[in-house]
Amino acid sequence: MKPKCKTITVAAILSVVLFMIAYGITLLPTLTGNYRPLLNTLGFAMLLYAWAILGIWRKRRFAVGFMQFINVVYSFGFISTLISGENLVTIIVSIIGLMVNGYLFWVCHQSAQQLRSQGTR
């Protein structure tokens, strides 16, 4: 189970970093000195991913499903930045983010099956 935990952790960190880049590039031109909404959104994304990663490492029952839910929510964020992408960098980062999220969802699905067979707390 540990190799899958490491894979999920790396993919989740990559996903949140890509989301931060895509969302930041999309939102920065519209901000007028007030960076609070940007920082709140990015901080909340980091908190959710960190909570899910911690739950996965602790082998909690809800953790894989929670990671999949977060993954779907932030996939819609990538789709949103892809649609409103103003430059090529945003579009490329959003496409890469969607691919990473697809891979993360697949690994989480496999991990959930293993956790069910092993029993969790």
Protein backbone atom coordinates (compact mmCIF):
# COMPACT_ATOMS: atom_id res chain seq x y z
CA MET A 1 0.00 0.00 0.00
CA LYS A 2 2.88 2.39 0.67
CA PRO A 3 3.92 2.72 -3.02
CA LYS A 4 0.34 3.73 -3.89
CA CYS A 5 0.35 6.24 -1.03
CA LYS A 6 3.50 7.77 -2.43
CA THR A 7 2.04 7.81 -5.95
CA ILE A 8 -1.17 9.44 -4.72
CA THR A 9 0.81 11.99 -2.71
CA VAL A 10 3.03 12.99 -5.61
CA ALA A 11 0.10 13.17 -8.05
CA ALA A 12 -2.01 15.20 -5.58
CA ILE A 13 0.82 17.67 -4.94
CA LEU A 14 1.39 18.01 -8.68
CA SER A 15 -2.34 18.52 -9.20
CA VAL A 16 -2.63 21.27 -6.59
CA VAL A 17 0.49 23.04 -7.91
CA LEU A 18 -0.87 22.93 -11.46
CA PHE A 19 -4.22 24.26 -10.22
CA MET A 20 -2.48 27.09 -8.40
CA ILE A 21 -0.56 28.02 -11.54
CA ALA A 22 -3.59 27.84 -13.85
CA TYR A 23 -5.91 29.67 -11.48
CA GLY A 24 -3.30 32.29 -10.63
CA ILE A 25 -2.53 33.03 -14.28
CA THR A 26 -6.24 33.27 -15.08
CA LEU A 27 -7.16 35.48 -12.13
CA LEU A 28 -4.15 37.80 -11.85
CA PRO A 29 -5.11 40.16 -14.71
CA THR A 30 -8.52 40.82 -13.11
CA LEU A 31 -7.24 41.61 -9.62
CA THR A 32 -6.92 45.24 -8.69
CA GLY A 33 -4.69 45.28 -5.65
CA ASN A 34 -6.86 42.92 -3.57
CA TYR A 35 -5.22 39.49 -3.64
CA ARG A 36 -7.36 38.11 -0.82
CA PRO A 37 -9.76 36.07 -3.05
CA LEU A 38 -6.82 34.48 -4.85
CA LEU A 39 -5.02 33.61 -1.62
CA ASN A 40 -8.21 32.24 -0.03
CA THR A 41 -8.91 29.97 -2.99
CA LEU A 42 -5.35 28.68 -3.23
CA GLY A 43 -5.09 28.18 0.53
CA PHE A 44 -8.37 26.27 0.61
CA ALA A 45 -7.20 24.01 -2.24
CA MET A 46 -3.95 23.26 -0.40
CA LEU A 47 -5.84 22.55 2.83
CA LEU A 48 -8.26 20.12 1.17
CA TYR A 49 -5.53 18.21 -0.64
CA ALA A 50 -3.37 18.08 2.53
CA TRP A 51 -6.31 16.75 4.57
CA ALA A 52 -7.00 14.04 2.01
CA ILE A 53 -3.32 13.07 1.75
CA LEU A 54 -3.04 12.83 5.53
CA GLY A 55 -6.13 10.61 5.65
CA ILE A 56 -4.72 8.34 2.95
CA TRP A 57 -1.40 7.96 4.78
CA ARG A 58 -3.30 7.17 8.00
CA LYS A 59 -5.47 4.65 6.04
CA ARG A 60 -8.75 6.26 7.02
CA ARG A 61 -11.91 4.89 5.48
CA PHE A 62 -13.15 8.17 4.02
CA ALA A 63 -9.82 9.37 2.64
CA VAL A 64 -9.77 7.82 -0.83
CA GLY A 65 -13.37 8.82 -1.55
CA PHE A 66 -12.65 12.30 -0.25
CA MET A 67 -9.59 12.55 -2.51
CA GLN A 68 -11.70 11.47 -5.48
CA PHE A 69 -14.32 14.11 -4.62
CA ILE A 70 -11.65 16.83 -4.35
CA ASN A 71 -10.17 15.59 -7.60
CA VAL A 72 -13.51 15.95 -9.42
CA VAL A 73 -14.11 19.43 -7.98
CA TYR A 74 -10.70 20.72 -9.02
CA SER A 75 -11.01 19.01 -12.40
CA PHE A 76 -13.96 21.32 -12.98
CA GLY A 77 -11.64 24.16 -11.99
CA PHE A 78 -9.21 23.05 -14.69
CA ILE A 79 -12.06 22.86 -17.19
CA SER A 80 -13.11 26.38 -16.19
CA THR A 81 -9.61 27.77 -16.67
CA LEU A 82 -9.32 25.85 -19.94
CA ILE A 83 -12.51 27.46 -21.27
CA SER A 84 -11.57 30.94 -20.11
CA GLY A 85 -7.90 30.46 -20.95
CA GLU A 86 -6.54 33.71 -22.21
CA ASN A 87 -3.13 32.44 -23.24
CA LEU A 88 -1.42 29.27 -24.36
CA VAL A 89 0.29 28.66 -21.01
CA THR A 90 -3.04 28.50 -19.17
CA ILE A 91 -4.45 26.08 -21.73
CA ILE A 92 -1.41 23.80 -21.57
CA VAL A 93 -1.32 23.81 -17.75
CA SER A 94 -5.06 23.06 -17.61
CA ILE A 95 -4.74 20.12 -20.03
CA ILE A 96 -1.80 18.71 -18.08
CA GLY A 97 -3.77 19.20 -14.85
CA LEU A 98 -6.73 17.30 -16.26
CA MET A 99 -4.44 14.43 -17.27
CA VAL A 100 -2.84 14.35 -13.81
CA ASN A 101 -6.29 14.39 -12.19
CA GLY A 102 -7.43 11.53 -14.43
CA TYR A 103 -4.39 9.50 -13.41
CA LEU A 104 -4.95 10.40 -9.74
CA PHE A 105 -8.59 9.33 -9.93
CA TRP A 106 -7.56 5.98 -11.46
CA VAL A 107 -4.90 5.33 -8.80
CA CYS A 108 -7.35 6.29 -6.03
CA HIS A 109 -9.90 3.87 -7.44
CA GLN A 110 -7.37 1.03 -7.35
CA SER A 111 -6.27 2.02 -3.86
CA ALA A 112 -9.86 2.05 -2.60
CA GLN A 113 -10.29 -1.55 -3.69
CA GLN A 114 -7.14 -2.56 -1.80
CA LEU A 115 -8.21 -0.70 1.34
CA ARG A 116 -11.61 -2.41 1.31
CA SER A 117 -9.96 -5.82 1.11
CA GLN A 118 -7.48 -5.02 3.93
CA GLY A 119 -9.97 -3.35 6.25
CA THR A 120 -9.59 0.23 7.48
CA ARG A 121 -10.14 2.23 10.62
